Amino acid sequence: MAYWYNVDTGKVETDETKGPGDDLMGPYDTEDEASRALDIAREKTARWDEEDRAWDDDLDD
């Protein structure tokens, strides 16, 4: 079963209960992972931003 985080309601949903696709993040393998969707997104964004800075620094060298 897939789990989704609904950014509009702030609740975890399943395939059977999920709302409109525009409001969803996922799918996630576990309910716990879906409940941490915003934290996971922040962590990924920070990591990607750091990778971009490193890549840009390499171009400047």
Protein backbone atom coordinates (compact mmCIF):
# COMPACT_ATOMS: atom_id res chain seq x y z
CA MET A 1 0.00 0.00 0.00
CA ALA A 2 1.20 3.51 -0.78
CA TYR A 3 0.93 6.44 1.59
CA TRP A 4 0.57 10.09 0.70
CA TYR A 5 0.93 13.37 2.59
CA ASN A 6 -1.84 15.87 1.89
CA VAL A 7 -0.38 19.37 2.16
CA ASP A 8 -3.84 20.92 2.31
CA THR A 9 -5.08 18.87 5.29
CA GLY A 10 -1.72 17.98 6.85
CA LYS A 11 -2.78 14.35 7.07
CA VAL A 12 -1.43 11.05 5.79
CA GLU A 13 -3.69 9.31 3.31
CA THR A 14 -3.75 5.97 1.53
CA ASP A 15 -4.58 5.12 -2.06
CA GLU A 16 -8.16 4.56 -0.94
CA THR A 17 -8.51 7.87 0.94
CA LYS A 18 -6.25 10.26 -0.96
CA GLY A 19 -7.51 13.62 -2.11
CA PRO A 20 -6.72 15.59 -5.26
CA GLY A 21 -3.29 14.96 -6.75
CA ASP A 22 -2.29 18.62 -6.61
CA ASP A 23 -2.42 18.47 -2.81
CA LEU A 24 -0.35 15.29 -2.40
CA MET A 25 3.29 14.46 -1.78
CA GLY A 26 4.36 10.89 -2.33
CA PRO A 27 3.95 8.04 -2.68
CA TYR A 28 5.78 6.82 0.41
CA ASP A 29 6.31 3.24 1.53
CA THR A 30 5.23 3.77 5.14
CA GLU A 31 2.79 5.93 7.05
CA ASP A 32 5.67 7.27 9.16
CA GLU A 33 7.64 8.29 6.09
CA ALA A 34 4.59 10.07 4.65
CA SER A 35 4.06 11.91 7.94
CA ARG A 36 7.61 13.30 7.59
CA ALA A 37 7.10 14.39 3.96
CA LEU A 38 7.80 18.08 4.57
CA ASP A 39 10.97 17.33 6.57
CA ILE A 40 12.16 14.90 3.90
CA ALA A 41 11.54 17.53 1.21
CA ARG A 42 13.49 20.16 3.20
CA GLU A 43 16.41 17.75 3.67
CA LYS A 44 16.49 16.86 -0.03
CA THR A 45 16.31 20.52 -1.06
CA ALA A 46 19.17 21.45 1.29
CA ARG A 47 21.29 18.57 -0.06
CA TRP A 48 20.56 19.53 -3.67
CA ASP A 49 21.34 23.19 -2.96
CA GLU A 50 24.70 22.17 -1.49
CA GLU A 51 25.43 19.96 -4.51
CA ASP A 52 24.57 22.88 -6.81
CA ARG A 53 26.92 25.20 -4.89
CA ALA A 54 29.72 22.62 -5.12
CA TRP A 55 29.10 22.17 -8.83
CA ASP A 56 29.15 25.95 -9.36
CA ASP A 57 32.38 26.22 -7.36
CA ASP A 58 33.98 23.59 -9.58
CA LEU A 59 33.04 25.64 -12.64
CA ASP A 60 34.67 28.73 -11.14
CA ASP A 61 37.99 26.91 -10.60
